[in-house]
Amino acid sequence: VSFNNFAAAKIHASSEGLARTRAFTRSCLRQWNLEAVSSDVIAVVG
């Protein structure tokens, strides 16, 4: 399997930690020029 981009982060067990995970996802998608799918990806990640 070949991937163009990859990023990983620890998930912290708190509402703040889950918010940081969504922000991490949003930042990755922005870096990868994939803002068009950010709503769906962030919902799935959530």
All heavy atoms as atom14 arrays in JSON, in Angstrom:
{
  "sequence": "VSFNNFAAAKIHASSEGLARTRAFTRSCLRQWNLEAVSSDVIAVVG",
  "atom14_mask": [
    [1, 1, 1, 1, 1, 1, 1, 0, 0, 0, 0, 0, 0, 0],
    [1, 1, 1, 1, 1, 1, 0, 0, 0, 0, 0, 0, 0, 0],
    [1, 1, 1, 1, 1, 1, 1, 1, 1, 1, 1, 0, 0, 0],
    [1, 1, 1, 1, 1, 1, 1, 1, 0, 0, 0, 0, 0, 0],
    [1, 1, 1, 1, 1, 1, 1, 1, 0, 0, 0, 0, 0, 0],
    [1, 1, 1, 1, 1, 1, 1, 1, 1, 1, 1, 0, 0, 0],
    [1, 1, 1, 1, 1, 0, 0, 0, 0, 0, 0, 0, 0, 0],
    [1, 1, 1, 1, 1, 0, 0, 0, 0, 0, 0, 0, 0, 0],
    [1, 1, 1, 1, 1, 0, 0, 0, 0, 0, 0, 0, 0, 0],
    [1, 1, 1, 1, 1, 1, 1, 1, 1, 0, 0, 0, 0, 0],
    [1, 1, 1, 1, 1, 1, 1, 1, 0, 0, 0, 0, 0, 0],
    [1, 1, 1, 1, 1, 1, 1, 1, 1, 1, 0, 0, 0, 0],
    [1, 1, 1, 1, 1, 0, 0, 0, 0, 0, 0, 0, 0, 0],
    [1, 1, 1, 1, 1, 1, 0, 0, 0, 0, 0, 0, 0, 0],
    [1, 1, 1, 1, 1, 1, 0, 0, 0, 0, 0, 0, 0, 0],
    [1, 1, 1, 1, 1, 1, 1, 1, 1, 0, 0, 0, 0, 0],
    [1, 1, 1, 1, 0, 0, 0, 0, 0, 0, 0, 0, 0, 0],
    [1, 1, 1, 1, 1, 1, 1, 1, 0, 0, 0, 0, 0, 0],
    [1, 1, 1, 1, 1, 0, 0, 0, 0, 0, 0, 0, 0, 0],
    [1, 1, 1, 1, 1, 1, 1, 1, 1, 1, 1, 0, 0, 0],
    [1, 1, 1, 1, 1, 1, 1, 0, 0, 0, 0, 0, 0, 0],
    [1, 1, 1, 1, 1, 1, 1, 1, 1, 1, 1, 0, 0, 0],
    [1, 1, 1, 1, 1, 0, 0, 0, 0, 0, 0, 0, 0, 0],
    [1, 1, 1, 1, 1, 1, 1, 1, 1, 1, 1, 0, 0, 0],
    [1, 1, 1, 1, 1, 1, 1, 0, 0, 0, 0, 0, 0, 0],
    [1, 1, 1, 1, 1, 1, 1, 1, 1, 1, 1, 0, 0, 0],
    [1, 1, 1, 1, 1, 1, 0, 0, 0, 0, 0, 0, 0, 0],
    [1, 1, 1, 1, 1, 1, 0, 0, 0, 0, 0, 0, 0, 0],
    [1, 1, 1, 1, 1, 1, 1, 1, 0, 0, 0, 0, 0, 0],
    [1, 1, 1, 1, 1, 1, 1, 1, 1, 1, 1, 0, 0, 0],
    [1, 1, 1, 1, 1, 1, 1, 1, 1, 0, 0, 0, 0, 0],
    [1, 1, 1, 1, 1, 1, 1, 1, 1, 1, 1, 1, 1, 1],
    [1, 1, 1, 1, 1, 1, 1, 1, 0, 0, 0, 0, 0, 0],
    [1, 1, 1, 1, 1, 1, 1, 1, 0, 0, 0, 0, 0, 0],
    [1, 1, 1, 1, 1, 1, 1, 1, 1, 0, 0, 0, 0, 0],
    [1, 1, 1, 1, 1, 0, 0, 0, 0, 0, 0, 0, 0, 0],
    [1, 1, 1, 1, 1, 1, 1, 0, 0, 0, 0, 0, 0, 0],
    [1, 1, 1, 1, 1, 1, 0, 0, 0, 0, 0, 0, 0, 0],
    [1, 1, 1, 1, 1, 1, 0, 0, 0, 0, 0, 0, 0, 0],
    [1, 1, 1, 1, 1, 1, 1, 1, 0, 0, 0, 0, 0, 0],
    [1, 1, 1, 1, 1, 1, 1, 0, 0, 0, 0, 0, 0, 0],
    [1, 1, 1, 1, 1, 1, 1, 1, 0, 0, 0, 0, 0, 0],
    [1, 1, 1, 1, 1, 0, 0, 0, 0, 0, 0, 0, 0, 0],
    [1, 1, 1, 1, 1, 1, 1, 0, 0, 0, 0, 0, 0, 0],
    [1, 1, 1, 1, 1, 1, 1, 0, 0, 0, 0, 0, 0, 0],
    [1, 1, 1, 1, 0, 0, 0, 0, 0, 0, 0, 0, 0, 0]
  ],
  "atom14_positions": [
    [[0.86, -1.17, 0.0], [0.0, 0.0, 0.0], [0.9, 1.22, 0.0], [1.86, 1.29, 0.77], [-0.91, 0.01, 1.24], [-1.76, 1.26, 1.27], [-1.79, -1.22, 1.26], [0.0, 0.0, 0.0], [0.0, 0.0, 0.0], [0.0, 0.0, 0.0], [0.0, 0.0, 0.0], [0.0, 0.0, 0.0], [0.0, 0.0, 0.0], [0.0, 0.0, 0.0]],
    [[0.58, 2.18, -0.83], [1.38, 3.39, -0.92], [0.54, 4.59, -0.46], [-0.6, 4.75, -0.9], [1.84, 3.6, -2.36], [2.54, 4.82, -2.46], [0.0, 0.0, 0.0], [0.0, 0.0, 0.0], [0.0, 0.0, 0.0], [0.0, 0.0, 0.0], [0.0, 0.0, 0.0], [0.0, 0.0, 0.0], [0.0, 0.0, 0.0], [0.0, 0.0, 0.0]],
    [[1.12, 5.4, 0.43], [0.43, 6.59, 0.9], [1.25, 7.81, 0.53], [2.47, 7.79, 0.56], [0.25, 6.53, 2.42], [-0.67, 5.44, 2.86], [-0.19, 4.3, 3.46], [-2.03, 5.56, 2.66], [-1.04, 3.3, 3.86], [-2.9, 4.56, 3.06], [-2.41, 3.43, 3.66], [0.0, 0.0, 0.0], [0.0, 0.0, 0.0], [0.0, 0.0, 0.0]],
    [[0.54, 8.89, 0.2], [1.2, 10.14, -0.15], [1.64, 10.92, 1.08], [2.69, 11.54, 1.09], [0.28, 11.02, -0.99], [-0.09, 10.37, -2.3], [0.66, 9.58, -2.84], [-1.26, 10.68, -2.82], [0.0, 0.0, 0.0], [0.0, 0.0, 0.0], [0.0, 0.0, 0.0], [0.0, 0.0, 0.0], [0.0, 0.0, 0.0], [0.0, 0.0, 0.0]],
    [[0.82, 10.9, 2.13], [1.08, 11.65, 3.36], [0.8, 10.76, 4.55], [-0.04, 9.86, 4.47], [0.17, 12.88, 3.44], [0.36, 13.82, 2.27], [1.4, 14.46, 2.15], [-0.63, 13.91, 1.41], [0.0, 0.0, 0.0], [0.0, 0.0, 0.0], [0.0, 0.0, 0.0], [0.0, 0.0, 0.0], [0.0, 0.0, 0.0], [0.0, 0.0, 0.0]],
    [[1.46, 11.04, 5.68], [1.21, 10.28, 6.9], [1.47, 11.17, 8.1], [2.43, 11.94, 8.11], [2.13, 9.05, 6.98], [1.93, 8.27, 8.25], [0.92, 7.35, 8.34], [2.75, 8.49, 9.35], [0.7, 6.63, 9.52], [2.56, 7.78, 10.53], [1.53, 6.85, 10.61], [0.0, 0.0, 0.0], [0.0, 0.0, 0.0], [0.0, 0.0, 0.0]],
    [[0.61, 11.06, 9.11], [0.81, 11.76, 10.37], [0.14, 10.95, 11.48], [-0.84, 10.25, 11.23], [0.2, 13.16, 10.31], [0.0, 0.0, 0.0], [0.0, 0.0, 0.0], [0.0, 0.0, 0.0], [0.0, 0.0, 0.0], [0.0, 0.0, 0.0], [0.0, 0.0, 0.0], [0.0, 0.0, 0.0], [0.0, 0.0, 0.0], [0.0, 0.0, 0.0]],
    [[0.69, 11.03, 12.69], [0.12, 10.3, 13.82], [0.23, 11.14, 15.08], [1.12, 11.98, 15.21], [0.84, 8.97, 14.02], [0.0, 0.0, 0.0], [0.0, 0.0, 0.0], [0.0, 0.0, 0.0], [0.0, 0.0, 0.0], [0.0, 0.0, 0.0], [0.0, 0.0, 0.0], [0.0, 0.0, 0.0], [0.0, 0.0, 0.0], [0.0, 0.0, 0.0]],
    [[-0.71, 10.9, 16.01], [-0.71, 11.63, 17.27], [-1.35, 10.78, 18.36], [-2.25, 9.98, 18.09], [-1.49, 12.94, 17.13], [0.0, 0.0, 0.0], [0.0, 0.0, 0.0], [0.0, 0.0, 0.0], [0.0, 0.0, 0.0], [0.0, 0.0, 0.0], [0.0, 0.0, 0.0], [0.0, 0.0, 0.0], [0.0, 0.0, 0.0], [0.0, 0.0, 0.0]],
    [[-0.87, 10.96, 19.57], [-1.47, 10.3, 20.73], [-2.83, 10.94, 20.98], [-3.01, 12.15, 20.83], [-0.58, 10.48, 21.95], [-1.06, 9.71, 23.17], [-0.3, 10.04, 24.43], [1.16, 9.76, 24.33], [1.85, 9.93, 25.63], [0.0, 0.0, 0.0], [0.0, 0.0, 0.0], [0.0, 0.0, 0.0], [0.0, 0.0, 0.0], [0.0, 0.0, 0.0]],
    [[-3.79, 10.12, 21.38], [-5.13, 10.61, 21.73], [-5.18, 10.75, 23.24], [-4.98, 9.77, 23.97], [-6.22, 9.63, 21.26], [-6.15, 9.4, 19.75], [-7.59, 10.13, 21.69], [-7.01, 8.24, 19.27], [0.0, 0.0, 0.0], [0.0, 0.0, 0.0], [0.0, 0.0, 0.0], [0.0, 0.0, 0.0], [0.0, 0.0, 0.0], [0.0, 0.0, 0.0]],
    [[-5.41, 11.96, 23.73], [-5.51, 12.2, 25.16], [-6.97, 12.07, 25.59], [-7.87, 12.6, 24.95], [-4.97, 13.58, 25.52], [-3.51, 13.71, 25.21], [-2.54, 13.23, 26.06], [-2.87, 14.2, 24.13], [-1.35, 13.46, 25.53], [-1.53, 14.04, 24.36], [0.0, 0.0, 0.0], [0.0, 0.0, 0.0], [0.0, 0.0, 0.0], [0.0, 0.0, 0.0]],
    [[-7.19, 11.36, 26.68], [-8.54, 11.03, 27.14], [-9.17, 12.17, 27.93], [-9.27, 12.14, 29.15], [-8.51, 9.77, 27.98], [0.0, 0.0, 0.0], [0.0, 0.0, 0.0], [0.0, 0.0, 0.0], [0.0, 0.0, 0.0], [0.0, 0.0, 0.0], [0.0, 0.0, 0.0], [0.0, 0.0, 0.0], [0.0, 0.0, 0.0], [0.0, 0.0, 0.0]],
    [[-9.57, 13.2, 27.22], [-10.29, 14.32, 27.83], [-10.99, 15.07, 26.71], [-10.66, 14.9, 25.53], [-9.32, 15.26, 28.55], [-8.47, 15.91, 27.61], [0.0, 0.0, 0.0], [0.0, 0.0, 0.0], [0.0, 0.0, 0.0], [0.0, 0.0, 0.0], [0.0, 0.0, 0.0], [0.0, 0.0, 0.0], [0.0, 0.0, 0.0], [0.0, 0.0, 0.0]],
    [[-11.95, 15.91, 27.07], [-12.62, 16.69, 26.03], [-11.63, 17.63, 25.34], [-11.67, 17.82, 24.13], [-13.81, 17.47, 26.59], [-13.39, 18.31, 27.65], [0.0, 0.0, 0.0], [0.0, 0.0, 0.0], [0.0, 0.0, 0.0], [0.0, 0.0, 0.0], [0.0, 0.0, 0.0], [0.0, 0.0, 0.0], [0.0, 0.0, 0.0], [0.0, 0.0, 0.0]],
    [[-10.67, 18.17, 26.1], [-9.63, 19.02, 25.51], [-8.73, 18.2, 24.59], [-8.35, 18.64, 23.51], [-8.79, 19.67, 26.61], [-7.68, 20.55, 26.07], [-6.81, 21.1, 27.18], [-7.35, 21.83, 28.03], [-5.6, 20.81, 27.18], [0.0, 0.0, 0.0], [0.0, 0.0, 0.0], [0.0, 0.0, 0.0], [0.0, 0.0, 0.0], [0.0, 0.0, 0.0]],
    [[-8.4, 16.98, 25.0], [-7.57, 16.1, 24.18], [-8.25, 15.73, 22.88], [-7.62, 15.71, 21.81], [0.0, 0.0, 0.0], [0.0, 0.0, 0.0], [0.0, 0.0, 0.0], [0.0, 0.0, 0.0], [0.0, 0.0, 0.0], [0.0, 0.0, 0.0], [0.0, 0.0, 0.0], [0.0, 0.0, 0.0], [0.0, 0.0, 0.0], [0.0, 0.0, 0.0]],
    [[-9.55, 15.45, 22.94], [-10.29, 15.13, 21.71], [-10.39, 16.36, 20.8], [-10.3, 16.23, 19.58], [-11.66, 14.56, 22.05], [-11.62, 13.19, 22.75], [-13.02, 12.76, 23.16], [-10.96, 12.14, 21.88], [0.0, 0.0, 0.0], [0.0, 0.0, 0.0], [0.0, 0.0, 0.0], [0.0, 0.0, 0.0], [0.0, 0.0, 0.0], [0.0, 0.0, 0.0]],
    [[-10.53, 17.54, 21.39], [-10.54, 18.77, 20.59], [-9.19, 18.97, 19.91], [-9.12, 19.37, 18.74], [-10.9, 19.97, 21.46], [0.0, 0.0, 0.0], [0.0, 0.0, 0.0], [0.0, 0.0, 0.0], [0.0, 0.0, 0.0], [0.0, 0.0, 0.0], [0.0, 0.0, 0.0], [0.0, 0.0, 0.0], [0.0, 0.0, 0.0], [0.0, 0.0, 0.0]],
    [[-8.1, 18.69, 20.63], [-6.75, 18.8, 20.03], [-6.57, 17.81, 18.88], [-5.91, 18.1, 17.89], [-5.67, 18.58, 21.09], [-5.43, 19.79, 21.94], [-4.14, 19.65, 22.73], [-4.09, 18.4, 23.45], [-3.97, 18.28, 24.76], [-3.86, 19.34, 25.5], [-3.94, 17.09, 25.33], [0.0, 0.0, 0.0], [0.0, 0.0, 0.0], [0.0, 0.0, 0.0]],
    [[-7.17, 16.62, 19.02], [-7.09, 15.61, 17.96], [-7.8, 16.11, 16.71], [-7.31, 15.94, 15.59], [-7.69, 14.27, 18.44], [-6.96, 13.85, 19.6], [-7.59, 13.21, 17.37], [0.0, 0.0, 0.0], [0.0, 0.0, 0.0], [0.0, 0.0, 0.0], [0.0, 0.0, 0.0], [0.0, 0.0, 0.0], [0.0, 0.0, 0.0], [0.0, 0.0, 0.0]],
    [[-8.96, 16.73, 16.88], [-9.68, 17.3, 15.73], [-8.87, 18.44, 15.11], [-8.79, 18.56, 13.88], [-11.08, 17.75, 16.13], [-12.01, 16.59, 16.46], [-13.44, 17.04, 16.66], [-13.59, 18.0, 17.74], [-13.78, 17.68, 19.03], [-13.84, 16.41, 19.4], [-13.92, 18.63, 19.93], [0.0, 0.0, 0.0], [0.0, 0.0, 0.0], [0.0, 0.0, 0.0]],
    [[-8.25, 19.27, 15.94], [-7.43, 20.37, 15.43], [-6.21, 19.82, 14.68], [-5.82, 20.36, 13.63], [-6.99, 21.28, 16.57], [0.0, 0.0, 0.0], [0.0, 0.0, 0.0], [0.0, 0.0, 0.0], [0.0, 0.0, 0.0], [0.0, 0.0, 0.0], [0.0, 0.0, 0.0], [0.0, 0.0, 0.0], [0.0, 0.0, 0.0], [0.0, 0.0, 0.0]],
    [[-5.6, 18.76, 15.2], [-4.48, 18.09, 14.53], [-4.93, 17.61, 13.14], [-4.24, 17.8, 12.14], [-4.02, 16.91, 15.39], [-3.11, 15.94, 14.68], [-1.77, 16.24, 14.49], [-3.59, 14.73, 14.23], [-0.93, 15.34, 13.85], [-2.76, 13.83, 13.59], [-1.43, 14.14, 13.4], [0.0, 0.0, 0.0], [0.0, 0.0, 0.0], [0.0, 0.0, 0.0]],
    [[-6.1, 17.0, 13.08], [-6.64, 16.5, 11.82], [-6.86, 17.65, 10.84], [-6.46, 17.58, 9.67], [-7.96, 15.74, 12.06], [-7.7, 14.66, 12.96], [-8.55, 15.21, 10.76], [0.0, 0.0, 0.0], [0.0, 0.0, 0.0], [0.0, 0.0, 0.0], [0.0, 0.0, 0.0], [0.0, 0.0, 0.0], [0.0, 0.0, 0.0], [0.0, 0.0, 0.0]],
    [[-7.48, 18.72, 11.31], [-7.74, 19.9, 10.47], [-6.43, 20.47, 9.92], [-6.33, 20.81, 8.74], [-8.5, 20.96, 11.28], [-9.0, 22.12, 10.48], [-9.85, 23.08, 11.32], [-11.1, 22.46, 11.71], [-11.41, 22.07, 12.97], [-10.55, 22.27, 13.95], [-12.57, 21.52, 13.24], [0.0, 0.0, 0.0], [0.0, 0.0, 0.0], [0.0, 0.0, 0.0]],
    [[-5.41, 20.53, 10.77], [-4.1, 21.05, 10.36], [-3.47, 20.16, 9.29], [-2.93, 20.67, 8.29], [-3.19, 21.16, 11.57], [-1.89, 21.53, 11.19], [0.0, 0.0, 0.0], [0.0, 0.0, 0.0], [0.0, 0.0, 0.0], [0.0, 0.0, 0.0], [0.0, 0.0, 0.0], [0.0, 0.0, 0.0], [0.0, 0.0, 0.0], [0.0, 0.0, 0.0]],
    [[-3.53, 18.85, 9.48], [-2.98, 17.93, 8.47], [-3.69, 18.1, 7.14], [-3.04, 18.19, 6.09], [-3.12, 16.48, 8.94], [-2.03, 16.04, 10.3], [0.0, 0.0, 0.0], [0.0, 0.0, 0.0], [0.0, 0.0, 0.0], [0.0, 0.0, 0.0], [0.0, 0.0, 0.0], [0.0, 0.0, 0.0], [0.0, 0.0, 0.0], [0.0, 0.0, 0.0]],
    [[-5.0, 18.16, 7.17], [-5.76, 18.29, 5.92], [-5.45, 19.61, 5.22], [-5.35, 19.66, 3.99], [-7.26, 18.16, 6.21], [-7.7, 16.79, 6.71], [-9.16, 16.83, 7.15], [-7.49, 15.72, 5.66], [0.0, 0.0, 0.0], [0.0, 0.0, 0.0], [0.0, 0.0, 0.0], [0.0, 0.0, 0.0], [0.0, 0.0, 0.0], [0.0, 0.0, 0.0]],
    [[-5.26, 20.67, 6.0], [-4.89, 21.96, 5.41], [-3.52, 21.85, 4.75], [-3.33, 22.3, 3.62], [-4.88, 23.05, 6.49], [-4.69, 24.44, 5.95], [-4.76, 25.53, 7.03], [-5.89, 25.38, 7.93], [-5.78, 25.1, 9.25], [-4.6, 24.94, 9.81], [-6.86, 24.98, 10.0], [0.0, 0.0, 0.0], [0.0, 0.0, 0.0], [0.0, 0.0, 0.0]],
    [[-2.56, 21.23, 5.44], [-1.2, 21.04, 4.89], [-1.23, 20.22, 3.61], [-0.44, 20.44, 2.71], [-0.34, 20.3, 5.92], [0.75, 21.11, 6.5], [1.57, 20.24, 7.44], [1.09, 19.34, 8.11], [2.85, 20.54, 7.48], [0.0, 0.0, 0.0], [0.0, 0.0, 0.0], [0.0, 0.0, 0.0], [0.0, 0.0, 0.0], [0.0, 0.0, 0.0]],
    [[-2.11, 19.25, 3.54], [-2.21, 18.34, 2.41], [-3.17, 18.84, 1.33], [-3.47, 18.14, 0.37], [-2.64, 16.95, 2.88], [-1.71, 16.33, 3.87], [-0.38, 16.6, 4.05], [-2.03, 15.31, 4.82], [0.14, 15.82, 5.06], [-0.85, 15.01, 5.55], [-3.2, 14.61, 5.14], [-0.82, 14.06, 6.57], [-3.16, 13.66, 6.15], [-1.98, 13.4, 6.85]],
    [[-3.66, 20.09, 1.49], [-4.6, 20.7, 0.54], [-5.85, 19.86, 0.35], [-6.34, 19.67, -0.77], [-3.91, 20.97, -0.81], [-2.8, 21.98, -0.68], [-2.96, 23.02, -0.05], [-1.64, 21.65, -1.23], [0.0, 0.0, 0.0], [0.0, 0.0, 0.0], [0.0, 0.0, 0.0], [0.0, 0.0, 0.0], [0.0, 0.0, 0.0], [0.0, 0.0, 0.0]],
    [[-6.4, 19.37, 1.46], [-7.6, 18.54, 1.41], [-8.73, 19.14, 2.26], [-9.55, 18.42, 2.84], [-7.28, 17.12, 1.89], [-6.35, 16.33, 0.98], [-5.94, 15.02, 1.63], [-7.02, 16.08, -0.37], [0.0, 0.0, 0.0], [0.0, 0.0, 0.0], [0.0, 0.0, 0.0], [0.0, 0.0, 0.0], [0.0, 0.0, 0.0], [0.0, 0.0, 0.0]],
    [[-8.79, 20.47, 2.31], [-9.83, 21.13, 3.1], [-11.23, 20.76, 2.62], [-12.18, 20.78, 3.4], [-9.68, 22.66, 3.05], [-8.46, 23.18, 3.77], [-7.29, 23.43, 2.83], [-7.23, 22.79, 1.74], [-6.44, 24.24, 3.16], [0.0, 0.0, 0.0], [0.0, 0.0, 0.0], [0.0, 0.0, 0.0], [0.0, 0.0, 0.0], [0.0, 0.0, 0.0]],
    [[-11.38, 20.4, 1.35], [-12.7, 20.08, 0.8], [-13.36, 18.88, 1.49], [-14.58, 18.78, 1.52], [-12.6, 19.81, -0.7], [0.0, 0.0, 0.0], [0.0, 0.0, 0.0], [0.0, 0.0, 0.0], [0.0, 0.0, 0.0], [0.0, 0.0, 0.0], [0.0, 0.0, 0.0], [0.0, 0.0, 0.0], [0.0, 0.0, 0.0], [0.0, 0.0, 0.0]],
    [[-12.56, 17.99, 2.06], [-13.13, 16.81, 2.74], [-12.99, 16.91, 4.26], [-13.25, 15.95, 4.97], [-12.5, 15.5, 2.23], [-12.83, 15.27, 0.78], [-10.99, 15.47, 2.47], [0.0, 0.0, 0.0], [0.0, 0.0, 0.0], [0.0, 0.0, 0.0], [0.0, 0.0, 0.0], [0.0, 0.0, 0.0], [0.0, 0.0, 0.0], [0.0, 0.0, 0.0]],
    [[-12.62, 18.09, 4.76], [-12.33, 18.2, 6.19], [-13.54, 17.91, 7.06], [-13.4, 17.26, 8.1], [-11.72, 19.56, 6.53], [-12.64, 20.59, 6.29], [0.0, 0.0, 0.0], [0.0, 0.0, 0.0], [0.0, 0.0, 0.0], [0.0, 0.0, 0.0], [0.0, 0.0, 0.0], [0.0, 0.0, 0.0], [0.0, 0.0, 0.0], [0.0, 0.0, 0.0]],
    [[-14.73, 18.32, 6.68], [-15.91, 18.06, 7.52], [-16.13, 16.56, 7.71], [-16.35, 16.1, 8.84], [-17.16, 18.69, 6.91], [-17.06, 20.08, 6.91], [0.0, 0.0, 0.0], [0.0, 0.0, 0.0], [0.0, 0.0, 0.0], [0.0, 0.0, 0.0], [0.0, 0.0, 0.0], [0.0, 0.0, 0.0], [0.0, 0.0, 0.0], [0.0, 0.0, 0.0]],
    [[-16.07, 15.8, 6.62], [-16.29, 14.36, 6.72], [-15.15, 13.68, 7.49], [-15.4, 12.84, 8.36], [-16.41, 13.72, 5.32], [-17.71, 14.07, 4.63], [-18.61, 14.65, 5.26], [-17.83, 13.75, 3.43], [0.0, 0.0, 0.0], [0.0, 0.0, 0.0], [0.0, 0.0, 0.0], [0.0, 0.0, 0.0], [0.0, 0.0, 0.0], [0.0, 0.0, 0.0]],
    [[-13.92, 14.04, 7.2], [-12.78, 13.41, 7.87], [-12.8, 13.74, 9.36], [-12.6, 12.85, 10.2], [-11.44, 13.83, 7.23], [-10.25, 13.32, 8.05], [-11.35, 13.33, 5.8], [0.0, 0.0, 0.0], [0.0, 0.0, 0.0], [0.0, 0.0, 0.0], [0.0, 0.0, 0.0], [0.0, 0.0, 0.0], [0.0, 0.0, 0.0], [0.0, 0.0, 0.0]],
    [[-13.07, 14.98, 9.71], [-13.1, 15.36, 11.13], [-14.25, 14.66, 11.86], [-14.08, 14.23, 13.01], [-13.15, 16.89, 11.28], [-11.8, 17.48, 10.86], [-13.5, 17.3, 12.71], [-11.78, 18.98, 10.69], [0.0, 0.0, 0.0], [0.0, 0.0, 0.0], [0.0, 0.0, 0.0], [0.0, 0.0, 0.0], [0.0, 0.0, 0.0], [0.0, 0.0, 0.0]],
    [[-15.39, 14.48, 11.21], [-16.49, 13.73, 11.83], [-16.09, 12.27, 12.07], [-16.35, 11.71, 13.14], [-17.73, 13.81, 10.96], [0.0, 0.0, 0.0], [0.0, 0.0, 0.0], [0.0, 0.0, 0.0], [0.0, 0.0, 0.0], [0.0, 0.0, 0.0], [0.0, 0.0, 0.0], [0.0, 0.0, 0.0], [0.0, 0.0, 0.0], [0.0, 0.0, 0.0]],
    [[-15.45, 11.65, 11.08], [-15.0, 10.26, 11.23], [-13.94, 10.17, 12.33], [-14.01, 9.29, 13.21], [-14.48, 9.71, 9.89], [-13.71, 8.41, 10.08], [-15.63, 9.51, 8.92], [0.0, 0.0, 0.0], [0.0, 0.0, 0.0], [0.0, 0.0, 0.0], [0.0, 0.0, 0.0], [0.0, 0.0, 0.0], [0.0, 0.0, 0.0], [0.0, 0.0, 0.0]],
    [[-12.96, 11.06, 12.32], [-11.93, 11.06, 13.35], [-12.55, 11.27, 14.73], [-12.16, 10.61, 15.71], [-10.86, 12.14, 13.05], [-10.01, 12.45, 14.28], [-9.98, 11.69, 11.9], [0.0, 0.0, 0.0], [0.0, 0.0, 0.0], [0.0, 0.0, 0.0], [0.0, 0.0, 0.0], [0.0, 0.0, 0.0], [0.0, 0.0, 0.0], [0.0, 0.0, 0.0]],
    [[-13.51, 12.16, 14.82], [-14.19, 12.4, 16.1], [-14.81, 11.14, 16.66], [-14.68, 10.82, 17.85], [0.0, 0.0, 0.0], [0.0, 0.0, 0.0], [0.0, 0.0, 0.0], [0.0, 0.0, 0.0], [0.0, 0.0, 0.0], [0.0, 0.0, 0.0], [0.0, 0.0, 0.0], [0.0, 0.0, 0.0], [0.0, 0.0, 0.0], [0.0, 0.0, 0.0]]
  ]
}
